[in-house]
Amino acid sequence: MLTLAKVKSNKHILEFIKKSEESLKAIGYTDHGLTHSQLVADRARTIAQELGLSKEEQEQAAISGFCHDMANFLSRPFHYYFGALLFYEVFKESVDIKELIPIMQAISLHDKEDEESPLLKEELELTNPVQAVLVIADKSDVRRSRVTTSDMDKIKRDIHDRVNYATELSKLRIDEKHKQIILTLKIDANSVPIMEYFEIFTRRMVYCRQAAEFLGYRFGLIINNFRLL
């Protein structure tokens, strides 16, 4: 079985992630590099474990979390499709195709937010739980340390930087008893209006809701002790 440990030891995968981190940082994006990749991988594994998915699905969720953004060095638009194809090219000779397909499906579905994409859809076409787990693990990564610049003037000018910088606490938990997946945020409202969060993250939260529903759960969002979803 392909494991996250094997993927993390692959020089091609690591170089793809490194170059993607450099490319997005150069054009002013928040962290999409190794830190984000590892966090999403860890979160995806934890979600999959707590939902009771199989060991293979847990591993696939972690792998897709680690690799989901690795094609950003090629292009921000359609990086999710490029990422799935790159993953296949790296492992096609050494791993059974049946193991690769769920990971490829998860990587290719995790992001549909590119404004340039004519394929942008409101509804996620989910077909397996690994896809759903990755969506939640990725879209819930909101945190101050995602901001890659220390230039406060730039942070104030960029809404993504402002919202992430203002996020003092971000916690995702699974409530098995009530069948809920809950994202709790503490945002410094003196730094950024809460509405700015929704200005850039509404679609991401909709995707989280759809992913949670696919898994048989409801998605909840709590910001500064107020339940909003």
Protein backbone atom coordinates (compact mmCIF):
# COMPACT_ATOMS: atom_id res chain seq x y z
CA MET A 1 0.00 0.00 0.00
CA LEU A 2 1.24 3.48 -0.86
CA THR A 3 1.85 5.43 2.35
CA LEU A 4 2.33 9.08 3.17
CA ALA A 5 5.83 8.27 4.40
CA LYS A 6 6.74 6.93 0.94
CA VAL A 7 5.21 9.96 -0.77
CA LYS A 8 7.10 12.36 1.50
CA SER A 9 10.37 10.66 0.64
CA ASN A 10 9.83 11.11 -3.11
CA LYS A 11 12.16 13.80 -4.44
CA HIS A 12 9.82 14.74 -7.29
CA ILE A 13 6.86 15.38 -4.99
CA LEU A 14 8.98 17.45 -2.60
CA GLU A 15 10.39 19.52 -5.46
CA PHE A 16 6.91 20.15 -6.88
CA ILE A 17 5.74 21.43 -3.49
CA LYS A 18 8.85 23.56 -3.03
CA LYS A 19 8.50 25.20 -6.45
CA SER A 20 4.78 25.77 -5.92
CA GLU A 21 5.49 27.47 -2.61
CA GLU A 22 8.07 29.74 -4.25
CA SER A 23 5.80 30.54 -7.20
CA LEU A 24 2.77 31.51 -5.13
CA LYS A 25 4.82 33.47 -2.61
CA ALA A 26 6.29 35.46 -5.50
CA ILE A 27 2.82 36.58 -6.59
CA GLY A 28 1.63 37.32 -3.06
CA TYR A 29 -0.43 34.28 -2.10
CA THR A 30 -0.83 32.89 1.39
CA ASP A 31 1.03 29.71 2.36
CA HIS A 32 0.43 26.87 -0.11
CA GLY A 33 3.77 25.18 0.53
CA LEU A 34 5.15 22.47 2.77
CA THR A 35 3.61 23.82 5.99
CA HIS A 36 0.13 23.95 4.47
CA SER A 37 0.63 20.56 2.81
CA GLN A 38 1.66 18.87 6.05
CA LEU A 39 -1.13 20.51 8.05
CA VAL A 40 -3.78 19.43 5.54
CA ALA A 41 -2.32 15.91 5.42
CA ASP A 42 -2.42 15.62 9.21
CA ARG A 43 -5.92 17.07 9.40
CA ALA A 44 -7.19 14.82 6.62
CA ARG A 45 -5.84 11.73 8.38
CA THR A 46 -7.40 12.80 11.68
CA ILE A 47 -10.79 13.44 10.07
CA ALA A 48 -10.69 10.11 8.26
CA GLN A 49 -9.77 8.29 11.48
CA GLU A 50 -12.50 9.96 13.52
CA LEU A 51 -15.07 9.19 10.83
CA GLY A 52 -14.10 5.53 10.97
CA LEU A 53 -12.84 5.26 7.39
CA SER A 54 -10.67 2.28 6.47
CA LYS A 55 -6.89 2.31 6.98
CA GLU A 56 -6.42 2.56 3.23
CA GLU A 57 -8.79 5.54 2.99
CA GLN A 58 -7.02 7.22 5.91
CA GLU A 59 -3.71 6.87 4.09
CA GLN A 60 -5.22 8.10 0.82
CA ALA A 61 -6.71 11.13 2.56
CA ALA A 62 -3.34 12.01 4.11
CA ILE A 63 -1.52 11.57 0.79
CA SER A 64 -4.02 13.69 -1.12
CA GLY A 65 -3.72 16.34 1.58
CA PHE A 66 0.05 16.43 1.22
CA CYS A 67 -0.01 16.58 -2.59
CA HIS A 68 -3.13 18.62 -3.35
CA ASP A 69 -1.40 21.95 -4.11
CA MET A 70 1.84 20.67 -5.63
CA ALA A 71 1.07 21.75 -9.22
CA ASN A 72 0.75 25.47 -8.51
CA PHE A 73 4.23 25.97 -9.97
CA LEU A 74 2.74 25.13 -13.38
CA SER A 75 -0.36 27.31 -13.15
CA ARG A 76 -2.72 28.56 -10.48
CA PRO A 77 -5.78 28.01 -12.72
CA PHE A 78 -6.39 24.28 -13.08
CA HIS A 79 -3.62 23.39 -10.61
CA TYR A 80 -5.95 20.72 -9.22
CA TYR A 81 -6.12 18.89 -12.56
CA PHE A 82 -2.40 19.26 -13.18
CA GLY A 83 -1.73 17.99 -9.66
CA ALA A 84 -3.73 14.80 -10.21
CA LEU A 85 -1.87 14.11 -13.45
CA LEU A 86 1.53 14.80 -11.91
CA PHE A 87 0.72 12.42 -9.08
CA TYR A 88 -0.15 9.72 -11.59
CA GLU A 89 3.04 10.27 -13.57
CA VAL A 90 5.22 9.94 -10.47
CA PHE A 91 3.69 6.70 -9.19
CA LYS A 92 2.18 4.97 -12.23
CA GLU A 93 5.03 2.48 -12.59
CA SER A 94 5.28 1.49 -8.93
CA VAL A 95 1.73 1.60 -7.51
CA ASP A 96 -1.44 -0.22 -8.55
CA ILE A 97 -3.75 2.11 -10.45
CA LYS A 98 -6.64 1.23 -8.09
CA GLU A 99 -4.69 2.85 -5.25
CA LEU A 100 -3.91 5.95 -7.28
CA ILE A 101 -7.39 6.75 -8.58
CA PRO A 102 -9.07 7.85 -5.29
CA ILE A 103 -6.10 10.13 -4.56
CA MET A 104 -6.20 11.56 -8.09
CA GLN A 105 -9.94 12.15 -7.74
CA ALA A 106 -9.43 13.97 -4.44
CA ILE A 107 -6.65 16.20 -5.74
CA SER A 108 -8.61 17.09 -8.89
CA LEU A 109 -11.75 18.03 -6.94
CA HIS A 110 -10.32 19.96 -3.99
CA ASP A 111 -10.46 23.42 -5.58
CA LYS A 112 -12.97 24.93 -7.99
CA GLU A 113 -12.50 28.57 -7.00
CA ASP A 114 -10.41 29.85 -9.89
CA GLU A 115 -12.27 32.75 -11.46
CA GLU A 116 -10.51 32.01 -14.75
CA SER A 117 -11.99 28.51 -14.86
CA PRO A 118 -14.98 28.02 -17.18
CA LEU A 119 -15.71 24.85 -15.21
CA LEU A 120 -16.45 26.68 -11.96
CA LYS A 121 -19.43 25.08 -10.25
CA GLU A 122 -21.33 25.66 -7.06
CA GLU A 123 -21.86 21.93 -6.51
CA LEU A 124 -19.05 19.50 -5.83
CA GLU A 125 -19.44 16.24 -7.72
CA LEU A 126 -18.27 13.98 -4.90
CA THR A 127 -17.88 10.27 -5.57
CA ASN A 128 -15.74 8.95 -2.69
CA PRO A 129 -15.08 9.87 0.97
CA VAL A 130 -11.42 10.71 0.38
CA GLN A 131 -12.51 13.64 -1.79
CA ALA A 132 -14.85 14.92 0.91
CA VAL A 133 -12.25 14.63 3.65
CA LEU A 134 -9.68 16.58 1.61
CA VAL A 135 -12.13 19.40 0.89
CA ILE A 136 -12.81 19.89 4.59
CA ALA A 137 -9.15 19.56 5.62
CA ASP A 138 -8.00 22.07 3.01
CA LYS A 139 -10.76 24.67 3.21
CA SER A 140 -10.63 24.82 7.01
CA ASP A 141 -6.98 25.94 7.04
CA VAL A 142 -7.37 29.57 8.12
CA ARG A 143 -4.59 30.90 10.36
CA ARG A 144 -2.27 33.84 10.93
CA SER A 145 0.82 31.84 9.95
CA ARG A 146 -0.55 31.37 6.42
CA VAL A 147 0.41 34.98 5.75
CA THR A 148 3.81 34.87 4.03
CA THR A 149 4.72 38.55 4.33
CA SER A 150 5.66 40.65 7.34
CA ASP A 151 4.83 43.87 5.48
CA MET A 152 1.82 45.23 7.41
CA ASP A 153 0.94 47.63 4.62
CA LYS A 154 0.62 44.72 2.20
CA ILE A 155 -1.37 42.72 4.75
CA LYS A 156 -3.80 45.62 5.14
CA ARG A 157 -4.21 45.92 1.36
CA ASP A 158 -4.87 42.23 0.67
CA ILE A 159 -8.15 40.79 1.97
CA HIS A 160 -6.81 37.21 2.12
CA ASP A 161 -3.83 38.35 4.17
CA ARG A 162 -6.05 40.49 6.42
CA VAL A 163 -8.47 37.70 7.23
CA ASN A 164 -5.81 35.06 7.82
CA TYR A 165 -3.69 37.46 9.89
CA ALA A 166 -6.70 38.36 12.04
CA THR A 167 -7.43 34.68 12.80
CA GLU A 168 -6.14 34.05 16.31
CA LEU A 169 -7.56 30.54 16.69
CA SER A 170 -8.71 27.88 14.24
CA LYS A 171 -9.95 24.49 15.41
CA LEU A 172 -11.75 21.72 13.58
CA ARG A 173 -13.52 18.97 15.50
CA ILE A 174 -15.78 16.02 14.81
CA ASP A 175 -18.90 15.66 16.98
CA GLU A 176 -19.77 12.00 16.43
CA LYS A 177 -22.76 12.08 18.78
CA HIS A 178 -24.54 14.88 16.91
CA LYS A 179 -23.04 14.05 13.51
CA GLN A 180 -21.42 17.43 13.07
CA ILE A 181 -18.09 18.68 11.75
CA ILE A 182 -17.43 22.04 13.39
CA LEU A 183 -14.90 24.73 12.50
CA THR A 184 -14.35 27.20 15.33
CA LEU A 185 -12.56 30.48 14.63
CA LYS A 186 -11.52 33.37 16.81
CA ILE A 187 -11.03 36.47 14.70
CA ASP A 188 -9.69 39.81 15.88
CA ALA A 189 -12.67 41.97 14.90
CA ASN A 190 -10.60 45.09 15.57
CA SER A 191 -8.29 44.09 12.72
CA VAL A 192 -10.86 42.91 10.19
CA PRO A 193 -14.68 42.99 9.96
CA ILE A 194 -16.21 39.52 10.25
CA MET A 195 -18.01 40.14 6.95
CA GLU A 196 -14.66 40.14 5.16
CA TYR A 197 -14.26 36.50 6.13
CA PHE A 198 -17.49 35.68 4.31
CA GLU A 199 -16.49 37.85 1.36
CA ILE A 200 -13.68 35.46 0.49
CA PHE A 201 -14.61 32.21 2.24
CA THR A 202 -18.35 31.77 1.58
CA ARG A 203 -17.87 29.35 -1.30
CA ARG A 204 -15.28 27.40 0.67
CA MET A 205 -17.72 26.98 3.54
CA VAL A 206 -20.40 25.85 1.08
CA TYR A 207 -17.96 23.21 -0.19
CA CYS A 208 -17.29 22.11 3.40
CA ARG A 209 -21.04 21.77 3.96
CA GLN A 210 -21.44 19.68 0.82
CA ALA A 211 -18.47 17.49 1.77
CA ALA A 212 -19.78 16.99 5.30
CA GLU A 213 -23.22 16.05 3.98
CA PHE A 214 -21.65 13.50 1.64
CA LEU A 215 -20.04 11.93 4.72
CA GLY A 216 -23.35 11.89 6.58
CA TYR A 217 -22.59 14.91 8.79
CA ARG A 218 -23.63 18.55 9.10
CA PHE A 219 -21.03 21.30 8.88
CA GLY A 220 -21.01 23.99 11.54
CA LEU A 221 -19.07 27.28 11.67
CA ILE A 222 -18.55 29.19 14.92
CA ILE A 223 -16.84 32.59 14.82
CA ASN A 224 -16.13 34.45 18.06
CA ASN A 225 -18.60 32.22 19.95
CA PHE A 226 -21.40 32.86 17.46
CA ARG A 227 -22.71 29.90 15.48
CA LEU A 228 -23.23 30.96 11.87
CA LEU A 229 -23.77 27.67 10.01
